[in-house]
Every structure is written in C-alpha cells, then in structure tokens.
C-alpha atoms as a PDB file:
ATOM      1  CA  MET A   1     -16.446   9.363 -13.446  1.00  0.00           C
ATOM      2  CA  PHE A   2     -16.425   7.283 -10.319  1.00  0.00           C
ATOM      3  CA  SER A   3     -18.638   9.810  -8.476  1.00  0.00           C
ATOM      4  CA  THR A   4     -21.404   9.505 -11.088  1.00  0.00           C
ATOM      5  CA  VAL A   5     -21.417   5.683 -10.825  1.00  0.00           C
ATOM      6  CA  PHE A   6     -21.321   5.708  -6.972  1.00  0.00           C
ATOM      7  CA  THR A   7     -24.242   8.170  -6.860  1.00  0.00           C
ATOM      8  CA  ARG A   8     -26.295   5.698  -8.632  1.00  0.00           C
ATOM      9  CA  PHE A   9     -25.194   2.904  -6.190  1.00  0.00           C
ATOM     10  CA  GLN A  10     -26.033   5.178  -3.265  1.00  0.00           C
ATOM     11  CA  LYS A  11     -29.663   5.103  -4.178  1.00  0.00           C
ATOM     12  CA  GLN A  12     -29.829   1.408  -3.759  1.00  0.00           C
ATOM     13  CA  ILE A  13     -28.522   1.565  -0.017  1.00  0.00           C
ATOM     14  CA  ALA A  14     -31.196   1.295   2.771  1.00  0.00           C
ATOM     15  CA  ARG A  15     -31.829   4.706   4.409  1.00  0.00           C
ATOM     16  CA  SER A  16     -31.420   3.017   7.722  1.00  0.00           C
ATOM     17  CA  TRP A  17     -27.787   2.326   7.077  1.00  0.00           C
ATOM     18  CA  ASN A  18     -25.437   4.263   9.379  1.00  0.00           C
ATOM     19  CA  GLY A  19     -22.201   2.665   8.892  1.00  0.00           C
ATOM     20  CA  GLU A  20     -19.070   3.764   6.674  1.00  0.00           C
ATOM     21  CA  ILE A  21     -19.015   2.961   2.973  1.00  0.00           C
ATOM     22  CA  TRP A  22     -15.889   1.369   1.765  1.00  0.00           C
ATOM     23  CA  ALA A  23     -14.835   0.830  -1.838  1.00  0.00           C
ATOM     24  CA  GLY A  24     -12.894  -2.165  -3.110  1.00  0.00           C
ATOM     25  CA  GLU A  25     -10.450  -2.229  -5.976  1.00  0.00           C
ATOM     26  CA  SER A  26     -11.596  -1.033  -9.396  1.00  0.00           C
ATOM     27  CA  ALA A  27     -10.344   0.150 -12.742  1.00  0.00           C
ATOM     28  CA  SER A  28      -7.117  -1.537 -13.758  1.00  0.00           C
ATOM     29  CA  LEU A  29      -6.796  -3.191 -10.253  1.00  0.00           C
ATOM     30  CA  GLN A  30      -9.557  -5.616 -11.014  1.00  0.00           C
ATOM     31  CA  ASN A  31      -8.888  -9.373 -11.552  1.00  0.00           C
ATOM     32  CA  GLY A  32      -5.287  -9.179 -10.570  1.00  0.00           C
ATOM     33  CA  GLY A  33      -4.505  -6.088 -12.528  1.00  0.00           C
ATOM     34  CA  GLY A  34      -2.430  -5.561 -15.810  1.00  0.00           C
ATOM     35  CA  ASP A  35       1.347  -5.508 -16.183  1.00  0.00           C
ATOM     36  CA  GLY A  36       2.566  -2.102 -17.038  1.00  0.00           C
ATOM     37  CA  VAL A  37      -0.694  -0.577 -16.136  1.00  0.00           C
ATOM     38  CA  SER A  38      -1.760  -1.126 -12.389  1.00  0.00           C
ATOM     39  CA  ASN A  39       2.011  -1.516 -11.368  1.00  0.00           C
ATOM     40  CA  ALA A  40       3.160   1.506 -13.192  1.00  0.00           C
ATOM     41  CA  PHE A  41       2.905   5.293 -12.772  1.00  0.00           C
ATOM     42  CA  GLN A  42      -0.203   5.685 -14.595  1.00  0.00           C
ATOM     43  CA  SER A  43      -1.967   3.946 -11.686  1.00  0.00           C
ATOM     44  CA  THR A  44      -0.831   6.646  -9.520  1.00  0.00           C
ATOM     45  CA  THR A  45      -2.831   9.381 -11.473  1.00  0.00           C
ATOM     46  CA  TRP A  46      -5.850   7.043 -11.315  1.00  0.00           C
ATOM     47  CA  LEU A  47      -5.363   6.377  -7.532  1.00  0.00           C
ATOM     48  CA  TYR A  48      -5.234  10.127  -6.629  1.00  0.00           C
ATOM     49  CA  ASP A  49      -8.173  10.986  -8.737  1.00  0.00           C
ATOM     50  CA  GLN A  50     -10.268   8.226  -7.452  1.00  0.00           C
ATOM     51  CA  LEU A  51      -9.403   9.077  -3.783  1.00  0.00           C
ATOM     52  CA  GLY A  52     -10.364  12.620  -4.535  1.00  0.00           C
ATOM     53  CA  GLN A  53     -13.763  11.546  -6.104  1.00  0.00           C
ATOM     54  CA  GLN A  54     -14.444   8.922  -3.600  1.00  0.00           C
ATOM     55  CA  GLY A  55     -14.116  11.486  -0.706  1.00  0.00           C
ATOM     56  CA  GLU A  56     -16.540  13.772  -2.334  1.00  0.00           C
ATOM     57  CA  ALA A  57     -18.959  10.942  -2.913  1.00  0.00           C
ATOM     58  CA  GLY A  58     -18.868   9.883   0.812  1.00  0.00           C
ATOM     59  CA  VAL A  59     -16.720   6.781   0.642  1.00  0.00           C
ATOM     60  CA  SER A  60     -14.668   6.436   3.875  1.00  0.00           C
ATOM     61  CA  ARG A  61     -12.023   3.915   2.757  1.00  0.00           C
ATOM     62  CA  MET A  62     -10.548   2.584  -0.288  1.00  0.00           C
ATOM     63  CA  LEU A  63      -8.967  -1.030  -0.067  1.00  0.00           C
ATOM     64  CA  ARG A  64      -5.887  -2.372  -1.701  1.00  0.00           C
ATOM     65  CA  GLU A  65      -5.979  -6.065  -1.424  1.00  0.00           C
ATOM     66  CA  SER A  66      -2.531  -7.160  -2.568  1.00  0.00           C
ATOM     67  CA  ILE A  67       0.984  -6.090  -1.314  1.00  0.00           C
ATOM     68  CA  SER A  68       3.136  -8.515  -3.492  1.00  0.00           C
ATOM     69  CA  VAL A  69       0.896 -10.899  -5.554  1.00  0.00           C
ATOM     70  CA  GLY A  70      -0.435 -10.184  -8.992  1.00  0.00           C
ATOM     71  CA  HIS A  71       0.019  -7.292 -11.459  1.00  0.00           C
ATOM     72  CA  TYR A  72      -1.920  -5.025  -8.932  1.00  0.00           C
ATOM     73  CA  ALA A  73       0.691  -5.654  -6.234  1.00  0.00           C
ATOM     74  CA  MET A  74       2.362  -2.557  -4.578  1.00  0.00           C
ATOM     75  CA  VAL A  75       5.702  -4.411  -4.289  1.00  0.00           C
ATOM     76  CA  ASN A  76       7.628  -6.414  -6.984  1.00  0.00           C
ATOM     77  CA  THR A  77       7.478 -10.032  -5.971  1.00  0.00           C
ATOM     78  CA  THR A  78      10.864 -10.895  -7.624  1.00  0.00           C
ATOM     79  CA  THR A  79      12.970  -7.860  -6.475  1.00  0.00           C
ATOM     80  CA  GLY A  80      11.183  -6.597  -3.361  1.00  0.00           C
ATOM     81  CA  GLN A  81      11.230  -3.024  -4.878  1.00  0.00           C
ATOM     82  CA  PRO A  82       8.065  -1.025  -4.593  1.00  0.00           C
ATOM     83  CA  PHE A  83       5.933   0.026  -7.429  1.00  0.00           C
ATOM     84  CA  PRO A  84       4.784   3.692  -7.944  1.00  0.00           C
ATOM     85  CA  ASP A  85       1.502   3.272  -5.906  1.00  0.00           C
ATOM     86  CA  PHE A  86       3.505   2.147  -2.822  1.00  0.00           C
ATOM     87  CA  PHE A  87       5.232   5.540  -2.666  1.00  0.00           C
ATOM     88  CA  SER A  88       2.229   7.570  -3.692  1.00  0.00           C
ATOM     89  CA  THR A  89       0.121   5.766  -1.103  1.00  0.00           C
ATOM     90  CA  LEU A  90       2.587   6.375   1.590  1.00  0.00           C
ATOM     91  CA  LEU A  91       2.790  10.106   0.713  1.00  0.00           C
ATOM     92  CA  TRP A  92      -1.061  10.309   0.709  1.00  0.00           C
ATOM     93  CA  ARG A  93      -1.087   8.747   4.236  1.00  0.00           C
ATOM     94  CA  GLU A  94       1.569  11.054   5.515  1.00  0.00           C
ATOM     95  CA  VAL A  95      -0.020  14.236   4.231  1.00  0.00           C
ATOM     96  CA  VAL A  96      -3.673  14.004   3.397  1.00  0.00           C
ATOM     97  CA  GLY A  97      -6.261  14.002   6.220  1.00  0.00           C
ATOM     98  CA  ASN A  98      -9.737  12.543   6.343  1.00  0.00           C
ATOM     99  CA  ARG A  99     -11.821  15.719   6.437  1.00  0.00           C
ATOM    100  CA  VAL A 100     -13.116  16.323   2.897  1.00  0.00           C
ATOM    101  CA  LEU A 101     -13.254  20.174   1.664  1.00  0.00           C
ATOM    102  CA  ARG A 102     -14.666  21.620  -1.395  1.00  0.00           C
ATOM    103  CA  PRO A 103     -12.227  23.680  -3.371  1.00  0.00           C
ATOM    104  CA  MET A 104     -13.377  26.990  -4.938  1.00  0.00           C
ATOM    105  CA  ASN A 105     -12.284  28.708  -8.227  1.00  0.00           C
ATOM    106  CA  ASP A 106     -13.383  32.235  -8.812  1.00  0.00           C
ATOM    107  CA  GLY A 107     -16.080  31.941  -6.084  1.00  0.00           C
ATOM    108  CA  ASN A 108     -17.560  28.611  -7.568  1.00  0.00           C
ATOM    109  CA  HIS A 109     -17.044  25.172  -6.365  1.00  0.00           C
ATOM    110  CA  VAL A 110     -14.709  23.373  -8.610  1.00  0.00           C
ATOM    111  CA  ASP A 111     -16.452  20.961 -11.159  1.00  0.00           C
ATOM    112  CA  ASN A 112     -13.993  18.215 -12.250  1.00  0.00           C
ATOM    113  CA  ARG A 113     -16.387  16.509 -14.647  1.00  0.00           C
ATOM    114  CA  GLY A 114     -14.858  15.805 -18.138  1.00  0.00           C
ATOM    115  CA  LYS A 115     -11.557  17.960 -17.137  1.00  0.00           C
ATOM    116  CA  ASP A 116      -8.003  16.753 -17.678  1.00  0.00           C
ATOM    117  CA  PHE A 117      -6.919  18.952 -14.826  1.00  0.00           C
ATOM    118  CA  ARG A 118      -8.742  18.045 -11.426  1.00  0.00           C
ATOM    119  CA  ILE A 119      -8.618  19.607  -8.058  1.00  0.00           C
ATOM    120  CA  TYR A 120      -9.606  18.074  -4.791  1.00  0.00           C
ATOM    121  CA  SER A 121      -9.051  19.390  -1.215  1.00  0.00           C
ATOM    122  CA  ARG A 122      -8.696  17.987   2.353  1.00  0.00           C
ATOM    123  CA  CYS A 123      -7.564  18.972   5.745  1.00  0.00           C
ATOM    124  CA  ALA A 124      -3.932  18.199   6.419  1.00  0.00           C
ATOM    125  CA  ARG A 125      -3.212  15.079   8.316  1.00  0.00           C
ATOM    126  CA  LEU A 126      -0.948  16.240  10.899  1.00  0.00           C
ATOM    127  CA  ALA A 127      -0.783  20.303  10.691  1.00  0.00           C
ATOM    128  CA  VAL A 128      -3.983  21.340  12.592  1.00  0.00           C
ATOM    129  CA  GLY A 129      -5.779  24.139  10.738  1.00  0.00           C
ATOM    130  CA  GLU A 130      -3.954  23.757   7.390  1.00  0.00           C
ATOM    131  CA  VAL A 131      -5.248  22.538   4.084  1.00  0.00           C
ATOM    132  CA  VAL A 132      -4.034  20.210   1.264  1.00  0.00           C
ATOM    133  CA  VAL A 133      -4.966  20.757  -2.330  1.00  0.00           C
ATOM    134  CA  VAL A 134      -4.794  17.520  -4.414  1.00  0.00           C
ATOM    135  CA  LEU A 135      -3.938  18.241  -8.111  1.00  0.00           C
ATOM    136  CA  VAL A 136      -4.306  15.594 -10.888  1.00  0.00           C
ATOM    137  CA  ASN A 137      -3.171  16.621 -14.378  1.00  0.00           C
ATOM    138  CA  LEU A 138      -4.124  13.942 -16.969  1.00  0.00           C
ATOM    139  CA  SER A 139      -3.204  15.860 -19.879  1.00  0.00           C
ATOM    140  CA  PRO A 140      -0.356  14.368 -21.894  1.00  0.00           C
ATOM    141  CA  THR A 141       0.951  17.761 -23.180  1.00  0.00           C
ATOM    142  CA  GLU A 142      -0.483  20.693 -21.096  1.00  0.00           C
ATOM    143  CA  VAL A 143       1.366  22.276 -18.186  1.00  0.00           C
ATOM    144  CA  SER A 144      -1.007  23.822 -15.516  1.00  0.00           C
ATOM    145  CA  LEU A 145      -0.103  26.666 -13.209  1.00  0.00           C
ATOM    146  CA  VAL A 146      -1.880  26.868  -9.829  1.00  0.00           C
ATOM    147  CA  ALA A 147      -1.883  29.790  -7.394  1.00  0.00           C
ATOM    148  CA  ILE A 148      -3.484  29.281  -3.875  1.00  0.00           C
ATOM    149  CA  THR A 149      -5.110  32.638  -3.583  1.00  0.00           C
ATOM    150  CA  ASP A 150      -6.437  32.147  -0.022  1.00  0.00           C
ATOM    151  CA  SER A 151      -3.129  31.213   1.567  1.00  0.00           C
ATOM    152  CA  LYS A 152      -1.902  33.396   4.516  1.00  0.00           C
ATOM    153  CA  ALA A 153       0.586  36.022   3.521  1.00  0.00           C
ATOM    154  CA  ASP A 154       4.214  35.652   4.641  1.00  0.00           C
ATOM    155  CA  THR A 155       3.902  31.915   5.085  1.00  0.00           C
ATOM    156  CA  LEU A 156       5.495  28.998   3.143  1.00  0.00           C
ATOM    157  CA  GLN A 157       3.450  26.447   1.179  1.00  0.00           C
ATOM    158  CA  LYS A 158       4.749  22.788   0.853  1.00  0.00           C
ATOM    159  CA  GLU A 159       4.681  21.098  -2.432  1.00  0.00           C
ATOM    160  CA  TRP A 160       5.052  17.528  -3.478  1.00  0.00           C
ATOM    161  CA  ILE A 161       4.821  16.670  -7.230  1.00  0.00           C
ATOM    162  CA  LEU A 162       4.918  13.067  -8.285  1.00  0.00           C
ATOM    163  CA  GLU A 163       5.898  12.198 -11.837  1.00  0.00           C
ATOM    164  CA  ALA A 164       7.029   9.096 -13.607  1.00  0.00           C
ATOM    165  CA  GLY A 165      10.567   8.356 -12.595  1.00  0.00           C
ATOM    166  CA  THR A 166      13.503   6.968 -14.574  1.00  0.00           C
ATOM    167  CA  GLY A 167      14.886   3.415 -14.841  1.00  0.00           C
ATOM    168  CA  THR A 168      15.670   0.508 -17.201  1.00  0.00           C
ATOM    169  CA  GLU A 169      12.100  -0.472 -17.479  1.00  0.00           C
ATOM    170  CA  VAL A 170      10.889   2.789 -18.774  1.00  0.00           C
ATOM    171  CA  TRP A 171       9.870   2.806 -22.413  1.00  0.00           C
ATOM    172  CA  SER A 172       6.965   5.049 -22.154  1.00  0.00           C
ATOM    173  CA  TRP A 173       5.488   7.445 -19.686  1.00  0.00           C
ATOM    174  CA  GLY A 174       2.466   5.259 -19.000  1.00  0.00           C
ATOM    175  CA  ARG A 175       4.421   2.059 -18.281  1.00  0.00           C
ATOM    176  CA  SER A 176       7.189   3.423 -15.993  1.00  0.00           C
ATOM    177  CA  LYS A 177       7.454   1.313 -13.031  1.00  0.00           C
ATOM    178  CA  ARG A 178       9.340   4.047 -11.065  1.00  0.00           C
ATOM    179  CA  ILE A 179       8.252   7.272  -9.436  1.00  0.00           C
ATOM    180  CA  ALA A 180       9.935  10.684  -8.909  1.00  0.00           C
ATOM    181  CA  LEU A 181       9.018  13.153  -6.064  1.00  0.00           C
ATOM    182  CA  ASN A 182      10.005  16.682  -6.998  1.00  0.00           C
ATOM    183  CA  GLY A 183      12.308  15.494  -9.641  1.00  0.00           C
ATOM    184  CA  ALA A 184      14.205  12.816  -7.672  1.00  0.00           C
ATOM    185  CA  THR A 185      13.407   9.173  -8.334  1.00  0.00           C
ATOM    186  CA  LEU A 186      12.213   7.325  -5.104  1.00  0.00           C
ATOM    187  CA  ASN A 187      13.974   4.091  -3.866  1.00  0.00           C
ATOM    188  CA  LEU A 188      14.145   2.206  -0.561  1.00  0.00           C
ATOM    189  CA  SER A 189      17.320   2.672   1.444  1.00  0.00           C
ATOM    190  CA  GLU A 190      20.062  -0.153   1.470  1.00  0.00           C
ATOM    191  CA  SER A 191      18.402  -1.261   4.804  1.00  0.00           C
ATOM    192  CA  GLY A 192      15.006  -1.406   3.229  1.00  0.00           C
ATOM    193  CA  ASP A 193      13.525   1.855   4.733  1.00  0.00           C
ATOM    194  CA  ALA A 194      11.245   4.149   2.870  1.00  0.00           C
ATOM    195  CA  PRO A 195      12.600   7.451   1.749  1.00  0.00           C
ATOM    196  CA  GLN A 196      11.782  10.765   3.622  1.00  0.00           C
ATOM    197  CA  MET A 197       8.881  12.365   1.530  1.00  0.00           C
ATOM    198  CA  THR A 198      10.429  15.846   1.798  1.00  0.00           C
ATOM    199  CA  PRO A 199       8.475  18.620   0.038  1.00  0.00           C
ATOM    200  CA  THR A 200       9.869  21.635  -1.502  1.00  0.00           C
ATOM    201  CA  GLN A 201       8.866  24.997   0.209  1.00  0.00           C
ATOM    202  CA  HIS A 202       7.842  28.250  -1.466  1.00  0.00           C
ATOM    203  CA  VAL A 203       6.253  31.532  -0.526  1.00  0.00           C
ATOM    204  CA  ALA A 204       2.572  31.040  -0.186  1.00  0.00           C
ATOM    205  CA  GLY A 205       0.411  32.012  -3.084  1.00  0.00           C
ATOM    206  CA  ARG A 206       3.091  31.663  -5.718  1.00  0.00           C
ATOM    207  CA  LYS A 207       2.192  29.805  -8.987  1.00  0.00           C
ATOM    208  CA  THR A 208       3.074  26.125  -8.855  1.00  0.00           C
ATOM    209  CA  ARG A 209       3.950  24.288 -12.160  1.00  0.00           C
ATOM    210  CA  ILE A 210       2.070  21.080 -12.472  1.00  0.00           C
ATOM    211  CA  PRO A 211       3.603  19.039 -15.364  1.00  0.00           C
ATOM    212  CA  PRO A 212       1.611  16.875 -17.907  1.00  0.00           C
ATOM    213  CA  LEU A 213       0.597  13.468 -16.527  1.00  0.00           C
ATOM    214  CA  SER A 214       1.459  14.171 -12.860  1.00  0.00           C
ATOM    215  CA  VAL A 215      -0.094  14.579  -9.486  1.00  0.00           C
ATOM    216  CA  ALA A 216       0.757  17.038  -6.728  1.00  0.00           C
ATOM    217  CA  LEU A 217      -0.126  17.969  -3.109  1.00  0.00           C
ATOM    218  CA  ILE A 218       0.100  21.557  -1.962  1.00  0.00           C
ATOM    219  CA  GLN A 219      -0.247  22.121   1.865  1.00  0.00           C
ATOM    220  CA  TYR A 220      -0.693  25.693   3.166  1.00  0.00           C
ATOM    221  CA  GLU A 221      -2.189  27.694   5.968  1.00  0.00           C
ATOM    222  CA  PRO A 222      -5.276  29.546   4.766  1.00  0.00           C
ATOM    223  CA  ALA A 223      -5.788  33.278   5.390  1.00  0.00           C
ATOM    224  CA  ALA A 224      -9.246  32.745   6.760  1.00  0.00           C
ATOM    225  CA  GLU A 225      -9.351  30.410   9.803  1.00  0.00           C
ATOM    226  CA  ALA A 226     -10.038  26.747   8.572  1.00  0.00           C
ATOM    227  CA  ALA A 227     -12.485  25.930  11.202  1.00  0.00           C
ATOM    228  CA  ALA A 228     -13.510  22.522   9.682  1.00  0.00           C
ATOM    229  CA  CYS A 229      -9.755  21.497   9.883  1.00  0.00           C
ATOM    230  CA  ILE A 230      -9.203  22.879  13.470  1.00  0.00           C
ATOM    231  CA  SER A 231     -12.062  20.603  14.668  1.00  0.00           C
ATOM    232  CA  SER A 232     -11.120  17.655  12.653  1.00  0.00           C
END
C-alpha cells in the first residue's frame, strides 16, 4: 500500500522540514499512463484509494500533471470529452474537505491493509460540522453493505456512488472510459458545462449498498458534535 511506502520515505525527510508534503503521479499515471488503464474507470478506484491513504500518511496534495496530453490525461484530446477521473476529481473537490479523520468500526480504528473494501473519512468541504466517509470496493464480485451508526437521528445522509458507465468503448469493466453517478452516465452538457453532481438522500443510518468495483462518498451529520470539522 502507498502508506507503507510513504512511511519509509518520511524517515528520510529532515526533522527541520516544516512545509507541506506533496505527491506526484504514481501507479498507472507514470510515464504518460496506459490506454484503457489510466484513462479508464479503474483509475478512479485507484485515485480515491490513494487520496485516502495519502491523507492518513500526511500528504497535503496530490498532483495530476496532464489535462489533455498522454494516456494519463483527464480529457480526450481528440473528442474533448472527459475521462472518468475528470468527473471523480470534480466530485471529490466539491464534497471532500481537507481535514482527515480516522473512521471507527466496532470501537476500533479501521485498518485497510490487505482489504478489498477500504474506508476513509474526512470533514465535509462546505457543510460545517458534517463528515464524509470515503468507500472503495475493490472486489470484482462482493457487494458491501455499510451503515453509519454515529449519524444523528431524523436527518438525511447524502450518497454519491461512482461506477463504470456505459458507452461504445466499453468491453470490460476495467477499461470503461465512461463513469456513472448513482446509475446515470455522466456527460458534459451541449454547451460544455460539467453536470450537477447531485447525491441521493436517504434516512441517516440506513444500510448503503456499495457495488463491486465502485467508489462512494457518504456525507452525514454526526450524532456527537464533530469538533474537528467545526474548527476546520
């Protein structure tokens, strides 16, 4: 996992360093990326997982160096249509804040090492006092059911679930160059505007179905006051 590698790297940093730590491109994004990999939906599962790991390891920013050149681009150079990471990055920037939290499961901090289903948590970007849970399901077959047990009663939680979309270029899940939000394939408008990233809303605490090979964000108001998110 990234966090293990980064921990080794941190030991080489001078103790007098007081600045932020940024991470450049890695995994399939290195050396221009690979067609059907870094410009396909499977890159989104990697992206959300690495953003989760980097936050817990103390990385402040992750850099994407290309908008429309190379296979690691976020926009198709020929058609001008965005690849999945364009939409998933836009969603992250709209919903997920900078303050890193540690999710709990049955009273223990979640340990994602070696797991197909991974859980991270952040303060919400705009809703003061609210929390966002980041879920990454890497299993090709298993559906996961998640219930936020510390949510405030009689409130609604917002859910964004990203999966591979449909389209003529899709011949397998991993190489899908389209992305769907809550079951609807995302596209730019005729005028080139990004779509509204509208969540579904459900009674807080209900079980949310996370499909195989998908990522999800769940935003909720915690039952106990989230002091860390109020001060962020």
